[in-house]
């Protein structure tokens, strides 16, 4: 009798296990599809607090992480990068869904809101090559589009001074220390944020209201 009852129970367990495996595979397939639809670019333009705050405000941007690019891993620490001798630039890794926001729209925000691309090795009150204007592309298409957009801005004389933004292929990106992440969100009353970065959010909402996430 025990064997007769065990057979249907065993079959039920196997069926449940099979359903679980199928559901798990579908979940992985969906996660892989979502990951495949994402692209990333690393943007440098002064202190990463404000850059991160601007780009994480955009629809279609799924992640904005403050960090360092342009130098080596052993030197990717704030105290060392701050010397300006490591080759790093304070940067933001922007992960985005191109079906919701195009790379050109990211470039528009980067050049017209997030920073001043005519300032060489500085940005506002911050001086040194770690505050340079630079785009670290992750695909050939990004590099081509970024260079073409810069030529277009210069051709239309959008800025009164030459654009000094560099465009390089990303070698590596190193996330900054945890206390730098989402700094603007967590410290809205910080004097540096109030004076230097909140005006960027105001400009973003005024110039590109259709791109801004709504709370």
N, C-alpha and C. Protein backbone atom coordinates (compact mmCIF):
# COMPACT_ATOMS: atom_id res chain seq x y z
N UNK A 1 0.83 -1.20 0.00
CA UNK A 1 0.00 0.00 0.00
C UNK A 1 0.87 1.25 0.00
N UNK A 2 1.97 1.23 0.79
CA UNK A 2 2.86 2.39 0.87
C UNK A 2 3.45 2.71 -0.49
N UNK A 3 3.79 1.68 -1.26
CA UNK A 3 4.38 1.89 -2.59
C UNK A 3 3.36 2.47 -3.55
N UNK A 4 2.11 1.99 -3.46
CA UNK A 4 1.06 2.47 -4.36
C UNK A 4 0.82 3.96 -4.15
N UNK A 5 0.80 4.41 -2.88
CA UNK A 5 0.58 5.83 -2.60
C UNK A 5 1.81 6.66 -2.93
N UNK A 6 3.01 6.06 -2.81
CA UNK A 6 4.25 6.81 -3.03
C UNK A 6 4.42 7.22 -4.48
N UNK A 7 3.90 6.39 -5.42
CA UNK A 7 4.08 6.69 -6.85
C UNK A 7 3.43 8.00 -7.26
N UNK A 8 2.13 8.22 -6.93
CA UNK A 8 1.54 9.52 -7.31
C UNK A 8 2.18 10.69 -6.60
N UNK A 9 2.59 10.48 -5.36
CA UNK A 9 3.25 11.57 -4.63
C UNK A 9 4.56 11.94 -5.30
N UNK A 10 5.33 10.91 -5.70
CA UNK A 10 6.61 11.14 -6.37
C UNK A 10 6.40 11.87 -7.69
N UNK A 11 5.39 11.46 -8.43
CA UNK A 11 5.09 12.12 -9.71
C UNK A 11 4.71 13.59 -9.50
N UNK A 12 3.96 13.85 -8.42
CA UNK A 12 3.56 15.23 -8.11
C UNK A 12 4.77 16.08 -7.78
N UNK A 13 5.69 15.52 -6.99
CA UNK A 13 6.92 16.24 -6.63
C UNK A 13 7.73 16.56 -7.87
N UNK A 14 7.83 15.56 -8.75
CA UNK A 14 8.59 15.78 -9.99
C UNK A 14 7.94 16.87 -10.85
N UNK A 15 6.62 16.85 -10.91
CA UNK A 15 5.91 17.84 -11.71
C UNK A 15 6.13 19.24 -11.15
N UNK A 16 6.04 19.37 -9.82
CA UNK A 16 6.27 20.67 -9.18
C UNK A 16 7.69 21.15 -9.42
N UNK A 17 8.64 20.21 -9.31
CA UNK A 17 10.04 20.56 -9.54
C UNK A 17 10.26 21.03 -10.97
N UNK A 18 9.61 20.35 -11.91
CA UNK A 18 9.74 20.73 -13.32
C UNK A 18 9.18 22.11 -13.58
N UNK A 19 8.03 22.40 -12.97
CA UNK A 19 7.43 23.73 -13.12
C UNK A 19 8.35 24.80 -12.54
N UNK A 20 8.95 24.49 -11.39
CA UNK A 20 9.86 25.45 -10.75
C UNK A 20 11.07 25.73 -11.63
N UNK A 21 11.62 24.66 -12.23
CA UNK A 21 12.80 24.82 -13.10
C UNK A 21 12.45 25.66 -14.31
N UNK A 22 11.28 25.38 -14.92
CA UNK A 22 10.86 26.16 -16.08
C UNK A 22 10.68 27.62 -15.72
N UNK A 23 10.03 27.89 -14.58
CA UNK A 23 9.83 29.27 -14.13
C UNK A 23 11.15 29.96 -13.88
N UNK A 24 12.11 29.22 -13.31
CA UNK A 24 13.43 29.79 -13.04
C UNK A 24 14.15 30.13 -14.32
N UNK A 25 14.05 29.23 -15.32
CA UNK A 25 14.68 29.49 -16.62
C UNK A 25 14.06 30.69 -17.32
N UNK A 26 12.75 30.82 -17.22
CA UNK A 26 12.07 31.97 -17.82
C UNK A 26 12.50 33.25 -17.16
N UNK A 27 12.68 33.19 -15.83
CA UNK A 27 13.14 34.37 -15.09
C UNK A 27 14.53 34.78 -15.53
N UNK A 28 15.42 33.77 -15.69
CA UNK A 28 16.78 34.06 -16.13
C UNK A 28 16.78 34.63 -17.54
N UNK A 29 15.92 34.05 -18.42
CA UNK A 29 15.83 34.55 -19.79
C UNK A 29 15.37 36.00 -19.80
N UNK A 30 14.40 36.34 -18.95
CA UNK A 30 13.89 37.71 -18.89
C UNK A 30 14.97 38.65 -18.36
N UNK A 31 15.70 38.21 -17.33
CA UNK A 31 16.78 39.03 -16.77
C UNK A 31 17.87 39.25 -17.81
N UNK A 32 18.17 38.19 -18.57
CA UNK A 32 19.20 38.31 -19.61
C UNK A 32 18.74 39.27 -20.70
N UNK A 33 17.44 39.21 -21.05
CA UNK A 33 16.91 40.11 -22.08
C UNK A 33 16.96 41.55 -21.62
N UNK A 34 16.62 41.77 -20.34
CA UNK A 34 16.68 43.13 -19.79
C UNK A 34 18.11 43.63 -19.79
N UNK A 35 19.05 42.76 -19.35
CA UNK A 35 20.46 43.16 -19.32
C UNK A 35 20.98 43.47 -20.71
N UNK A 36 20.53 42.67 -21.70
CA UNK A 36 20.99 42.89 -23.08
C UNK A 36 20.48 44.20 -23.64
N UNK A 37 19.37 44.70 -23.12
CA UNK A 37 18.79 45.94 -23.64
C UNK A 37 19.45 47.17 -23.03
N UNK A 38 20.28 46.97 -22.02
CA UNK A 38 20.92 48.08 -21.35
C UNK A 38 22.26 48.42 -22.00
N UNK A 39 22.58 49.70 -22.02
CA UNK A 39 23.90 50.14 -22.45
C UNK A 39 24.48 51.04 -21.37
N UNK A 40 25.78 51.26 -21.43
CA UNK A 40 26.38 52.14 -20.43
C UNK A 40 27.45 53.02 -21.07
N UNK A 41 27.65 54.15 -20.44
CA UNK A 41 28.70 55.08 -20.84
C UNK A 41 29.20 55.74 -19.56
N UNK A 42 30.45 56.12 -19.56
CA UNK A 42 31.03 56.78 -18.39
C UNK A 42 31.34 58.23 -18.77
N UNK A 43 30.80 59.15 -17.97
CA UNK A 43 30.90 60.58 -18.26
C UNK A 43 31.63 61.30 -17.13
N UNK A 44 32.59 62.13 -17.50
CA UNK A 44 33.33 62.93 -16.53
C UNK A 44 33.09 64.40 -16.84
N UNK A 45 32.86 65.18 -15.80
CA UNK A 45 32.63 66.61 -15.99
C UNK A 45 32.59 67.35 -14.68
N UNK A 46 33.68 67.27 -13.93
CA UNK A 46 33.71 67.92 -12.62
C UNK A 46 33.36 66.96 -11.51
N UNK A 47 33.01 67.50 -10.36
CA UNK A 47 32.67 66.68 -9.20
C UNK A 47 31.55 65.70 -9.54
N UNK A 48 31.75 64.44 -9.19
CA UNK A 48 30.75 63.44 -9.58
C UNK A 48 29.44 63.55 -8.82
N UNK A 49 29.38 64.30 -7.73
CA UNK A 49 28.12 64.45 -6.99
C UNK A 49 27.02 65.03 -7.90
N UNK A 50 27.34 66.13 -8.55
CA UNK A 50 26.34 66.79 -9.40
C UNK A 50 26.05 66.01 -10.66
N UNK A 51 27.09 65.43 -11.27
CA UNK A 51 26.89 64.64 -12.48
C UNK A 51 25.96 63.47 -12.20
N UNK A 52 26.21 62.79 -11.10
CA UNK A 52 25.36 61.66 -10.73
C UNK A 52 23.92 62.12 -10.48
N UNK A 53 23.78 63.23 -9.76
CA UNK A 53 22.45 63.75 -9.45
C UNK A 53 21.64 64.08 -10.69
N UNK A 54 22.30 64.64 -11.69
CA UNK A 54 21.62 64.98 -12.95
C UNK A 54 21.17 63.73 -13.68
N UNK A 55 22.09 62.78 -13.87
CA UNK A 55 21.77 61.64 -14.73
C UNK A 55 20.85 60.62 -14.07
N UNK A 56 20.88 60.52 -12.75
CA UNK A 56 19.94 59.59 -12.13
C UNK A 56 18.53 60.19 -12.09
N UNK A 57 18.39 61.44 -12.52
CA UNK A 57 17.07 62.08 -12.59
C UNK A 57 16.36 61.81 -13.92
N UNK A 58 17.04 61.14 -14.85
CA UNK A 58 16.52 60.98 -16.20
C UNK A 58 15.72 59.69 -16.38
N UNK A 59 14.61 59.79 -17.11
CA UNK A 59 13.86 58.61 -17.51
C UNK A 59 14.76 57.73 -18.39
N UNK A 60 14.68 56.46 -18.19
CA UNK A 60 15.46 55.54 -19.01
C UNK A 60 16.83 55.26 -18.45
N UNK A 61 17.28 56.05 -17.48
CA UNK A 61 18.55 55.77 -16.81
C UNK A 61 18.26 54.86 -15.63
N UNK A 62 18.80 53.66 -15.68
CA UNK A 62 18.51 52.67 -14.64
C UNK A 62 19.54 52.68 -13.52
N UNK A 63 20.69 53.30 -13.77
CA UNK A 63 21.72 53.35 -12.74
C UNK A 63 22.70 54.48 -13.04
N UNK A 64 23.08 55.20 -11.99
CA UNK A 64 24.14 56.22 -12.10
C UNK A 64 25.05 56.03 -10.90
N UNK A 65 26.30 55.71 -11.16
CA UNK A 65 27.24 55.38 -10.09
C UNK A 65 28.45 56.29 -10.16
N UNK A 66 28.77 56.94 -9.06
CA UNK A 66 29.96 57.79 -9.00
C UNK A 66 31.21 56.91 -8.91
N UNK A 67 32.27 57.34 -9.59
CA UNK A 67 33.49 56.55 -9.54
C UNK A 67 34.64 57.22 -10.26
N UNK A 68 35.59 56.40 -10.66
CA UNK A 68 36.83 56.90 -11.25
C UNK A 68 37.13 56.15 -12.55
N UNK A 69 37.59 56.88 -13.56
CA UNK A 69 37.97 56.28 -14.84
C UNK A 69 39.20 57.01 -15.37
N UNK A 70 40.00 56.28 -16.13
CA UNK A 70 41.17 56.89 -16.75
C UNK A 70 42.48 56.52 -16.10
N UNK A 71 42.43 55.89 -14.93
CA UNK A 71 43.64 55.51 -14.22
C UNK A 71 43.60 54.04 -13.84
N UNK A 72 44.50 53.64 -12.96
CA UNK A 72 44.60 52.23 -12.58
C UNK A 72 43.80 51.94 -11.31
N UNK A 73 43.53 50.67 -11.08
CA UNK A 73 42.73 50.26 -9.92
C UNK A 73 43.39 50.62 -8.59
N UNK A 74 44.71 50.40 -8.41
CA UNK A 74 45.32 50.73 -7.11
C UNK A 74 45.19 52.20 -6.73
N UNK A 75 45.03 53.07 -7.75
CA UNK A 75 44.95 54.51 -7.47
C UNK A 75 43.51 55.00 -7.35
N UNK A 76 42.54 54.10 -7.48
CA UNK A 76 41.14 54.51 -7.50
C UNK A 76 40.58 54.70 -6.09
N UNK A 77 41.15 55.67 -5.39
CA UNK A 77 40.70 56.02 -4.04
C UNK A 77 40.64 57.55 -3.95
N UNK A 78 39.60 58.05 -3.32
CA UNK A 78 39.33 59.49 -3.35
C UNK A 78 40.53 60.32 -2.90
N UNK A 79 41.18 59.91 -1.80
CA UNK A 79 42.28 60.71 -1.27
C UNK A 79 43.43 60.82 -2.28
N UNK A 80 43.64 59.73 -3.05
CA UNK A 80 44.74 59.74 -4.02
C UNK A 80 44.31 60.45 -5.30
N UNK A 81 43.10 60.17 -5.77
CA UNK A 81 42.60 60.82 -6.98
C UNK A 81 42.58 62.33 -6.81
N UNK A 82 42.29 62.79 -5.60
CA UNK A 82 42.20 64.23 -5.32
C UNK A 82 43.52 64.96 -5.53
N UNK A 83 44.63 64.24 -5.58
CA UNK A 83 45.92 64.89 -5.84
C UNK A 83 46.05 65.32 -7.30
N UNK A 84 45.24 64.72 -8.17
CA UNK A 84 45.32 65.05 -9.59
C UNK A 84 46.47 64.37 -10.30
N UNK A 85 47.11 63.40 -9.65
CA UNK A 85 48.31 62.78 -10.21
C UNK A 85 48.08 61.34 -10.67
N UNK A 86 46.86 60.83 -10.59
CA UNK A 86 46.62 59.41 -10.86
C UNK A 86 46.15 59.12 -12.28
N UNK A 87 45.78 60.14 -13.04
CA UNK A 87 45.22 59.92 -14.37
C UNK A 87 43.72 59.70 -14.36
N UNK A 88 43.16 59.54 -13.17
CA UNK A 88 41.71 59.35 -13.06
C UNK A 88 40.95 60.65 -13.25
N UNK A 89 39.70 60.51 -13.67
CA UNK A 89 38.75 61.61 -13.65
C UNK A 89 37.57 61.17 -12.79
N UNK A 90 37.09 62.08 -11.96
CA UNK A 90 35.84 61.78 -11.25
C UNK A 90 34.76 61.62 -12.32
N UNK A 91 34.07 60.49 -12.29
CA UNK A 91 33.17 60.13 -13.38
C UNK A 91 31.88 59.52 -12.85
N UNK A 92 30.95 59.35 -13.76
CA UNK A 92 29.69 58.68 -13.43
C UNK A 92 29.41 57.63 -14.49
N UNK A 93 29.21 56.40 -14.05
CA UNK A 93 28.82 55.32 -14.95
C UNK A 93 27.31 55.37 -15.10
N UNK A 94 26.87 55.65 -16.31
CA UNK A 94 25.43 55.77 -16.60
C UNK A 94 24.97 54.54 -17.37
N UNK A 95 24.07 53.78 -16.76
CA UNK A 95 23.46 52.63 -17.42
C UNK A 95 22.06 53.05 -17.85
N UNK A 96 21.75 52.80 -19.12
CA UNK A 96 20.49 53.32 -19.65
C UNK A 96 19.85 52.36 -20.65
N UNK A 97 18.56 52.55 -20.84
CA UNK A 97 17.80 51.76 -21.80
C UNK A 97 17.61 52.62 -23.05
N UNK A 98 18.29 52.30 -24.15
CA UNK A 98 18.20 53.13 -25.36
C UNK A 98 16.81 53.16 -25.98
N UNK A 99 15.92 52.25 -25.54
CA UNK A 99 14.55 52.30 -26.03
C UNK A 99 13.76 53.40 -25.34
N UNK A 100 14.29 53.90 -24.21
CA UNK A 100 13.59 54.94 -23.44
C UNK A 100 14.31 56.28 -23.48
N UNK A 101 15.62 56.24 -23.63
CA UNK A 101 16.39 57.49 -23.76
C UNK A 101 17.56 57.21 -24.69
N UNK A 102 17.75 58.07 -25.67
CA UNK A 102 18.79 57.83 -26.66
C UNK A 102 20.13 58.36 -26.16
N UNK A 103 21.19 57.88 -26.80
CA UNK A 103 22.52 58.36 -26.45
C UNK A 103 22.65 59.85 -26.77
N UNK A 104 22.01 60.28 -27.85
CA UNK A 104 22.05 61.71 -28.19
C UNK A 104 21.41 62.55 -27.10
N UNK A 105 20.31 62.07 -26.52
CA UNK A 105 19.68 62.81 -25.43
C UNK A 105 20.59 62.88 -24.21
N UNK A 106 21.32 61.81 -23.94
CA UNK A 106 22.29 61.84 -22.85
C UNK A 106 23.38 62.87 -23.14
N UNK A 107 23.82 62.92 -24.40
CA UNK A 107 24.83 63.90 -24.77
C UNK A 107 24.31 65.33 -24.61
N UNK A 108 23.06 65.55 -24.98
CA UNK A 108 22.48 66.88 -24.83
C UNK A 108 22.47 67.32 -23.38
N UNK A 109 22.08 66.43 -22.50
CA UNK A 109 22.07 66.75 -21.06
C UNK A 109 23.49 66.97 -20.56
N UNK A 110 24.40 66.13 -21.00
CA UNK A 110 25.80 66.23 -20.57
C UNK A 110 26.41 67.57 -20.96
N UNK A 111 26.24 67.96 -22.21
CA UNK A 111 26.88 69.19 -22.70
C UNK A 111 26.12 70.46 -22.32
N UNK A 112 24.81 70.39 -22.27
CA UNK A 112 24.02 71.61 -22.11
C UNK A 112 23.52 71.86 -20.69
N UNK A 113 23.65 70.86 -19.82
CA UNK A 113 23.15 71.02 -18.44
C UNK A 113 24.17 70.60 -17.39
N UNK A 114 24.74 69.40 -17.55
CA UNK A 114 25.50 68.78 -16.46
C UNK A 114 26.84 69.46 -16.17
N UNK A 115 27.45 70.08 -17.18
CA UNK A 115 28.75 70.72 -16.93
C UNK A 115 29.07 71.69 -18.05
N UNK A 116 30.18 72.40 -17.90
CA UNK A 116 30.64 73.34 -18.93
C UNK A 116 31.79 72.69 -19.69
N UNK A 117 31.57 72.27 -20.93
CA UNK A 117 32.59 71.55 -21.69
C UNK A 117 33.72 72.42 -22.21
N UNK A 118 33.70 73.71 -21.89
CA UNK A 118 34.78 74.60 -22.36
C UNK A 118 35.84 74.82 -21.29
N UNK A 119 35.65 74.27 -20.11
CA UNK A 119 36.61 74.46 -19.03
C UNK A 119 37.64 73.33 -19.04
N UNK A 120 38.90 73.69 -19.17
CA UNK A 120 39.98 72.72 -19.28
C UNK A 120 40.52 72.34 -17.89
N UNK A 121 40.44 71.05 -17.60
CA UNK A 121 40.97 70.53 -16.33
C UNK A 121 40.44 71.27 -15.10
N UNK A 122 39.18 71.59 -15.15
CA UNK A 122 38.53 72.22 -14.01
C UNK A 122 37.02 72.22 -14.27
N UNK A 123 36.28 72.53 -13.23
CA UNK A 123 34.84 72.69 -13.38
C UNK A 123 34.36 73.49 -12.18
N UNK A 124 33.92 74.70 -12.47
CA UNK A 124 33.48 75.56 -11.37
C UNK A 124 34.60 75.81 -10.38
N UNK A 125 34.36 75.51 -9.09
CA UNK A 125 35.37 75.78 -8.07
C UNK A 125 36.46 74.71 -7.99
N UNK A 126 36.30 73.61 -8.74
CA UNK A 126 37.22 72.49 -8.63
C UNK A 126 38.25 72.52 -9.75
N UNK A 127 39.52 72.41 -9.37
CA UNK A 127 40.61 72.49 -10.34
C UNK A 127 41.45 71.23 -10.33
N UNK A 128 41.95 70.87 -11.50
CA UNK A 128 42.81 69.70 -11.63
C UNK A 128 42.31 68.76 -12.70
N UNK A 129 43.18 67.93 -13.26
CA UNK A 129 42.80 67.01 -14.33
C UNK A 129 41.76 65.98 -13.90
N UNK A 130 41.61 65.77 -12.60
CA UNK A 130 40.58 64.83 -12.12
C UNK A 130 39.17 65.38 -12.31
N UNK A 131 39.08 66.67 -12.67
CA UNK A 131 37.78 67.31 -12.92
C UNK A 131 37.59 67.64 -14.40
N UNK A 132 38.33 66.96 -15.25
CA UNK A 132 38.29 67.24 -16.69
C UNK A 132 36.98 66.79 -17.31
N UNK A 133 36.74 67.31 -18.50
CA UNK A 133 35.57 66.93 -19.30
C UNK A 133 35.98 65.80 -20.23
N UNK A 134 35.36 64.62 -20.04
CA UNK A 134 35.75 63.47 -20.86
C UNK A 134 34.60 62.47 -20.95
N UNK A 135 34.44 61.93 -22.15
CA UNK A 135 33.47 60.86 -22.39
C UNK A 135 34.24 59.57 -22.59
N UNK A 136 33.95 58.57 -21.78
CA UNK A 136 34.56 57.25 -21.91
C UNK A 136 33.52 56.34 -22.56
N UNK A 137 33.67 56.12 -23.85
CA UNK A 137 32.68 55.33 -24.60
C UNK A 137 32.88 53.84 -24.35
N UNK A 138 31.80 53.08 -24.50
CA UNK A 138 31.89 51.62 -24.36
C UNK A 138 31.61 50.92 -25.68
N UNK A 139 31.23 51.67 -26.71
CA UNK A 139 31.03 51.09 -28.05
C UNK A 139 31.57 52.06 -29.10
N UNK A 140 31.86 51.52 -30.27
CA UNK A 140 32.32 52.37 -31.37
C UNK A 140 31.24 53.36 -31.78
N UNK A 141 29.98 52.92 -31.70
CA UNK A 141 28.88 53.80 -32.08
C UNK A 141 28.80 55.01 -31.15
N UNK A 142 29.00 54.79 -29.87
CA UNK A 142 29.00 55.92 -28.92
C UNK A 142 30.12 56.89 -29.25
N UNK A 143 31.29 56.37 -29.50
CA UNK A 143 32.44 57.24 -29.81
C UNK A 143 32.16 58.08 -31.05
N UNK A 144 31.66 57.43 -32.09
CA UNK A 144 31.36 58.12 -33.35
C UNK A 144 30.32 59.20 -33.13
N UNK A 145 29.27 58.88 -32.41
CA UNK A 145 28.19 59.84 -32.18
C UNK A 145 28.64 61.00 -31.32
N UNK A 146 29.46 60.71 -30.30
CA UNK A 146 29.95 61.77 -29.42
C UNK A 146 30.82 62.76 -30.19
N UNK A 147 31.72 62.25 -31.03
CA UNK A 147 32.59 63.13 -31.82
C UNK A 147 31.77 63.95 -32.81
N UNK A 148 30.78 63.33 -33.42
CA UNK A 148 29.93 64.05 -34.37
C UNK A 148 29.13 65.14 -33.66
N UNK A 149 28.66 64.85 -32.46
CA UNK A 149 27.87 65.84 -31.72
C UNK A 149 28.73 67.03 -31.32
N UNK A 150 29.97 66.76 -30.92
CA UNK A 150 30.89 67.85 -30.57
C UNK A 150 31.14 68.73 -31.79
N UNK A 151 31.36 68.10 -32.94
CA UNK A 151 31.57 68.88 -34.18
C UNK A 151 30.35 69.74 -34.48
N UNK A 152 29.17 69.18 -34.24
CA UNK A 152 27.94 69.91 -34.49
C UNK A 152 27.81 71.12 -33.56
N UNK A 153 28.12 70.92 -32.28
CA UNK A 153 28.07 72.03 -31.32
C UNK A 153 29.04 73.13 -31.72
N UNK A 154 30.23 72.73 -32.11
CA UNK A 154 31.25 73.72 -32.48
C UNK A 154 30.87 74.41 -33.79
N UNK A 155 30.31 73.65 -34.73
CA UNK A 155 29.90 74.23 -36.00
C UNK A 155 28.80 75.26 -35.85
N UNK A 156 27.91 75.02 -34.89
CA UNK A 156 26.81 75.96 -34.64
C UNK A 156 27.18 77.02 -33.58
N UNK A 157 28.43 76.97 -33.12
CA UNK A 157 28.94 77.96 -32.15
C UNK A 157 27.99 78.08 -30.95
N UNK A 158 27.63 76.91 -30.42
CA UNK A 158 26.75 76.88 -29.24
C UNK A 158 27.45 77.49 -28.04
N UNK A 159 28.77 77.33 -27.98
CA UNK A 159 29.57 77.90 -26.90
C UNK A 159 30.51 78.95 -27.46
N UNK A 160 30.77 79.97 -26.67
CA UNK A 160 31.64 81.05 -27.14
C UNK A 160 33.11 80.67 -27.10
N UNK A 161 33.43 79.62 -26.33
CA UNK A 161 34.81 79.15 -26.23
C UNK A 161 34.90 77.73 -26.79
N UNK A 162 36.10 77.29 -27.16
CA UNK A 162 36.25 75.95 -27.73
C UNK A 162 35.85 74.85 -26.73
N UNK A 163 35.30 73.77 -27.25
CA UNK A 163 34.98 72.61 -26.42
C UNK A 163 36.25 71.80 -26.21
N UNK A 164 36.53 71.46 -24.96
CA UNK A 164 37.77 70.75 -24.63
C UNK A 164 37.50 69.29 -24.23
N UNK A 165 36.29 68.84 -24.39
CA UNK A 165 35.90 67.47 -24.00
C UNK A 165 36.70 66.43 -24.78
N UNK A 166 37.28 65.50 -24.05
CA UNK A 166 37.99 64.39 -24.67
C UNK A 166 37.03 63.21 -24.84
N UNK A 167 37.27 62.40 -25.86
CA UNK A 167 36.49 61.18 -26.08
C UNK A 167 37.46 60.02 -26.18
N UNK A 168 37.37 59.10 -25.24
CA UNK A 168 38.26 57.95 -25.20
C UNK A 168 37.44 56.68 -24.98
N UNK A 169 38.02 55.56 -25.33
CA UNK A 169 37.38 54.27 -25.07
C UNK A 169 37.61 53.89 -23.61
N UNK A 170 36.56 53.46 -22.95
CA UNK A 170 36.66 53.10 -21.54
C UNK A 170 37.52 51.86 -21.37
N UNK A 171 38.52 51.96 -20.51
CA UNK A 171 39.33 50.80 -20.15
C UNK A 171 38.75 50.12 -18.91
N UNK A 172 38.43 50.92 -17.91
CA UNK A 172 37.87 50.37 -16.68
C UNK A 172 37.21 51.49 -15.89
N UNK A 173 36.22 51.10 -15.11
CA UNK A 173 35.54 52.04 -14.23
C UNK A 173 35.56 51.46 -12.82
N UNK A 174 35.88 52.31 -11.85
CA UNK A 174 35.97 51.87 -10.46
C UNK A 174 35.00 52.68 -9.61
N UNK A 175 33.99 52.04 -9.04
CA UNK A 175 33.03 52.78 -8.20
C UNK A 175 33.73 53.48 -7.05
N UNK A 176 33.25 54.68 -6.73
CA UNK A 176 33.80 55.44 -5.62
C UNK A 176 33.31 54.88 -4.29
N UNK A 177 33.86 55.42 -3.22
CA UNK A 177 33.49 55.01 -1.87
C UNK A 177 31.99 55.21 -1.65
N UNK A 178 31.42 54.42 -0.76
CA UNK A 178 29.96 54.42 -0.56
C UNK A 178 29.42 55.78 -0.16
N UNK A 179 30.19 56.56 0.57
CA UNK A 179 29.67 57.85 1.04
C UNK A 179 29.53 58.87 -0.10
N UNK A 180 30.11 58.56 -1.25
CA UNK A 180 29.95 59.45 -2.41
C UNK A 180 28.70 59.12 -3.23
N UNK A 181 28.16 57.92 -3.06
CA UNK A 181 27.04 57.49 -3.88
C UNK A 181 25.74 58.22 -3.47
N UNK A 182 25.01 58.70 -4.49
CA UNK A 182 23.73 59.41 -4.27
C UNK A 182 23.90 60.56 -3.27
N UNK A 183 25.04 61.24 -3.37
CA UNK A 183 25.37 62.27 -2.40
C UNK A 183 24.36 63.42 -2.42
N UNK A 184 23.94 63.82 -3.63
CA UNK A 184 22.99 64.92 -3.72
C UNK A 184 21.65 64.55 -3.09
N UNK A 185 21.19 63.34 -3.33
CA UNK A 185 19.93 62.90 -2.75
C UNK A 185 19.99 62.88 -1.23
N UNK A 186 21.11 62.40 -0.71
CA UNK A 186 21.22 62.22 0.74
C UNK A 186 21.64 63.49 1.48
N UNK A 187 22.19 64.46 0.74
CA UNK A 187 22.68 65.68 1.37
C UNK A 187 22.20 66.93 0.62
N UNK A 188 20.89 67.11 0.49
CA UNK A 188 20.37 68.22 -0.33
C UNK A 188 20.72 69.60 0.21
N UNK A 189 21.02 69.69 1.51
CA UNK A 189 21.33 70.99 2.11
C UNK A 189 22.82 71.25 2.24
N UNK A 190 23.64 70.35 1.72
CA UNK A 190 25.08 70.57 1.74
C UNK A 190 25.40 71.84 0.94
N UNK A 191 26.18 72.77 1.48
CA UNK A 191 26.44 74.04 0.79
C UNK A 191 26.98 73.86 -0.63
N UNK A 192 27.86 72.89 -0.83
CA UNK A 192 28.40 72.66 -2.17
C UNK A 192 27.27 72.27 -3.13
N UNK A 193 26.40 71.39 -2.67
CA UNK A 193 25.27 70.94 -3.49
C UNK A 193 24.33 72.10 -3.79
N UNK A 194 24.01 72.87 -2.77
CA UNK A 194 23.06 73.97 -2.94
C UNK A 194 23.59 74.99 -3.95
N UNK A 195 24.86 75.31 -3.87
CA UNK A 195 25.42 76.37 -4.72
C UNK A 195 25.78 75.87 -6.12
N UNK A 196 26.35 74.65 -6.22
CA UNK A 196 26.88 74.20 -7.50
C UNK A 196 25.99 73.23 -8.27
N UNK A 197 25.22 72.42 -7.57
CA UNK A 197 24.54 71.31 -8.23
C UNK A 197 23.02 71.45 -8.34
N UNK A 198 22.38 72.02 -7.36
CA UNK A 198 20.93 72.20 -7.46
C UNK A 198 20.53 73.06 -8.66
N UNK A 199 21.32 74.09 -9.01
CA UNK A 199 20.99 74.85 -10.22
C UNK A 199 20.97 73.99 -11.49
N UNK A 200 21.75 72.90 -11.51
CA UNK A 200 21.75 72.01 -12.66
C UNK A 200 20.41 71.27 -12.77
N UNK A 201 19.87 70.88 -11.63
CA UNK A 201 18.57 70.20 -11.63
C UNK A 201 17.48 71.16 -12.09
N UNK A 202 17.57 72.41 -11.67
CA UNK A 202 16.61 73.42 -12.11
C UNK A 202 16.71 73.59 -13.63
N UNK A 203 17.95 73.68 -14.13
CA UNK A 203 18.16 73.84 -15.57
C UNK A 203 17.67 72.62 -16.34
N UNK A 204 17.88 71.44 -15.78
CA UNK A 204 17.43 70.21 -16.42
C UNK A 204 15.91 70.21 -16.58
N UNK A 205 15.21 70.56 -15.51
CA UNK A 205 13.75 70.58 -15.55
C UNK A 205 13.22 71.64 -16.52
N UNK A 206 13.97 72.73 -16.64
CA UNK A 206 13.53 73.81 -17.53
C UNK A 206 13.82 73.48 -18.99
N UNK A 207 14.99 72.89 -19.25
CA UNK A 207 15.40 72.67 -20.63
C UNK A 207 14.89 71.34 -21.21
N UNK A 208 14.85 70.30 -20.37
CA UNK A 208 14.45 68.98 -20.85
C UNK A 208 13.39 68.37 -19.92
N UNK A 209 12.27 69.03 -19.74
CA UNK A 209 11.26 68.53 -18.80
C UNK A 209 10.72 67.15 -19.17
N UNK A 210 10.71 66.84 -20.46
CA UNK A 210 10.18 65.55 -20.90
C UNK A 210 11.10 64.38 -20.58
N UNK A 211 12.34 64.67 -20.20
CA UNK A 211 13.31 63.62 -19.89
C UNK A 211 13.39 63.30 -18.40
N UNK A 212 12.79 64.14 -17.58
CA UNK A 212 12.96 64.03 -16.13
C UNK A 212 11.94 63.07 -15.53
N UNK A 213 12.46 62.21 -14.65
CA UNK A 213 11.57 61.30 -13.90
C UNK A 213 10.66 62.12 -12.99
N UNK A 214 9.43 61.68 -12.89
CA UNK A 214 8.49 62.34 -12.00
C UNK A 214 8.34 61.56 -10.72
N UNK A 215 8.35 62.25 -9.62
CA UNK A 215 8.24 61.58 -8.30
C UNK A 215 6.82 61.09 -8.07
